[in-house]
Amino acid sequence: MTTIPGGVATLALIIVTMAYAALKMIELNTGQNPTINDTKIDGFFETSETVNFNEINWKMAFSIENMQSRMAIDDPRYVKWIVRLYEKKGEVLSERRLPFHKCTTEDYAQFHPLSR
């Protein structure tokens, strides 16, 4: 059974939903309003477990880029890079700064090519 108020409410709901979806699609395509996620899983490893990243030849590189120009953002007036390792033993939380450097062409050559 349909009514005029029900039809108007349904039409209004469809218009609002479509407008919201269109706005989010525009934001996605233009790179506006990026979301940064941080995930922490307590108790994932036993405290006695250790991993030597040098032994397994593990490397990580990342960059922060301007969404429009795709140029790396690395202006020391605005960006300060700090790499820290947090460790919790029992109730004691410790922090250690890790050494790092800007990647060179030789560094990038050690990575597998990106798949597209």
Protein backbone atom coordinates (compact mmCIF):
# COMPACT_ATOMS: atom_id res chain seq x y z
CA MET A 1 0.00 0.00 0.00
CA THR A 2 1.57 3.31 -1.06
CA THR A 3 0.91 6.80 0.23
CA ILE A 4 1.96 10.26 -0.96
CA PRO A 5 3.93 11.03 2.24
CA GLY A 6 5.68 7.65 1.94
CA GLY A 7 6.55 8.35 -1.69
CA VAL A 8 7.90 11.81 -0.83
CA ALA A 9 9.96 10.39 2.04
CA THR A 10 11.35 7.64 -0.20
CA LEU A 11 12.21 10.14 -2.95
CA ALA A 12 13.91 12.45 -0.41
CA LEU A 13 15.91 9.54 1.01
CA ILE A 14 17.04 8.46 -2.47
CA ILE A 15 18.10 12.04 -3.36
CA VAL A 16 20.08 12.47 -0.12
CA THR A 17 21.74 9.06 -0.53
CA MET A 18 22.71 9.75 -4.15
CA ALA A 19 24.04 13.23 -3.28
CA TYR A 20 26.15 11.78 -0.45
CA ALA A 21 27.47 8.99 -2.71
CA ALA A 22 28.33 11.52 -5.43
CA LEU A 23 30.16 13.74 -2.91
CA LYS A 24 32.19 10.79 -1.59
CA MET A 25 33.03 9.67 -5.14
CA ILE A 26 34.29 13.17 -5.97
CA GLU A 27 36.41 13.18 -2.80
CA LEU A 28 37.81 9.75 -3.69
CA ASN A 29 38.70 10.75 -7.25
CA THR A 30 40.29 14.10 -6.30
CA GLY A 31 42.08 12.77 -3.22
CA GLN A 32 40.36 15.15 -0.83
CA ASN A 33 39.90 14.25 2.82
CA PRO A 34 42.31 11.29 2.99
CA THR A 35 41.95 8.92 5.91
CA ILE A 36 44.99 7.72 7.83
CA ASN A 37 44.59 4.45 9.71
CA ASP A 38 46.61 3.20 12.63
CA THR A 39 46.23 -0.35 13.86
CA LYS A 40 47.68 -1.86 17.00
CA ILE A 41 47.17 -5.47 18.02
CA ASP A 42 48.16 -6.06 21.64
CA GLY A 43 49.52 -9.48 22.47
CA PHE A 44 50.05 -10.51 18.82
CA PHE A 45 53.58 -11.75 19.54
CA GLU A 46 54.91 -13.40 22.64
CA THR A 47 57.31 -11.14 24.52
CA SER A 48 60.11 -13.69 24.01
CA GLU A 49 59.75 -13.59 20.19
CA THR A 50 62.19 -11.44 18.24
CA VAL A 51 62.59 -10.76 14.54
CA ASN A 52 65.86 -9.63 13.02
CA PHE A 53 64.80 -7.69 9.93
CA ASN A 54 68.34 -7.74 8.54
CA GLU A 55 68.36 -11.54 8.58
CA ILE A 56 65.16 -11.77 6.56
CA ASN A 57 66.21 -8.90 4.24
CA TRP A 58 63.11 -6.88 5.11
CA LYS A 59 62.90 -3.33 3.80
CA MET A 60 60.24 -0.67 3.91
CA ALA A 61 59.96 2.61 2.03
CA PHE A 62 57.16 5.14 1.84
CA SER A 63 56.49 8.62 0.64
CA ILE A 64 53.94 11.33 1.29
CA GLU A 65 52.87 13.10 -1.88
CA ASN A 66 50.81 16.11 -2.87
CA MET A 67 47.56 14.74 -4.31
CA GLN A 68 47.44 17.20 -7.23
CA SER A 69 51.10 17.42 -8.30
CA ARG A 70 52.20 13.93 -7.13
CA MET A 71 55.42 15.56 -5.88
CA ALA A 72 56.91 14.26 -2.63
CA ILE A 73 56.27 16.46 0.39
CA ASP A 74 59.59 16.71 2.13
CA ASP A 75 59.98 20.35 3.14
CA PRO A 76 61.84 20.46 6.48
CA ARG A 77 59.83 23.56 7.41
CA TYR A 78 56.70 21.39 7.56
CA VAL A 79 57.79 17.75 7.80
CA LYS A 80 60.01 16.09 10.40
CA TRP A 81 60.52 12.35 10.05
CA ILE A 82 60.90 10.32 13.23
CA VAL A 83 60.99 6.52 13.28
CA ARG A 84 60.23 5.02 16.67
CA LEU A 85 59.89 1.53 18.03
CA TYR A 86 57.53 1.08 20.96
CA GLU A 87 57.86 -1.95 23.19
CA LYS A 88 55.78 -3.03 26.15
CA LYS A 89 57.12 -5.55 28.65
CA GLY A 90 54.57 -6.21 31.33
CA GLU A 91 53.38 -2.76 32.33
CA VAL A 92 56.58 -0.98 31.24
CA LEU A 93 56.33 0.89 27.93
CA SER A 94 59.59 1.90 26.27
CA GLU A 95 60.38 3.90 23.16
CA ARG A 96 63.47 3.76 20.98
CA ARG A 97 64.30 5.92 17.97
CA LEU A 98 65.47 3.95 14.96
CA PRO A 99 68.00 5.15 12.39
CA PHE A 100 66.73 5.87 8.89
CA HIS A 101 67.72 7.74 5.75
CA LYS A 102 66.16 9.08 2.58
CA CYS A 103 66.04 6.42 -0.12
CA THR A 104 68.52 6.76 -2.92
CA THR A 105 68.24 5.35 -6.43
CA GLU A 106 70.36 2.40 -5.27
CA ASP A 107 67.95 1.78 -2.38
CA TYR A 108 64.93 1.76 -4.70
CA ALA A 109 66.69 -0.66 -7.05
CA GLN A 110 66.69 -3.29 -4.27
CA PHE A 111 62.88 -3.40 -4.17
CA HIS A 112 60.77 -5.57 -6.42
CA PRO A 113 59.00 -3.59 -9.17
CA LEU A 114 55.52 -2.37 -8.26
CA SER A 115 52.67 -4.30 -9.79
CA ARG A 116 50.01 -2.20 -11.46
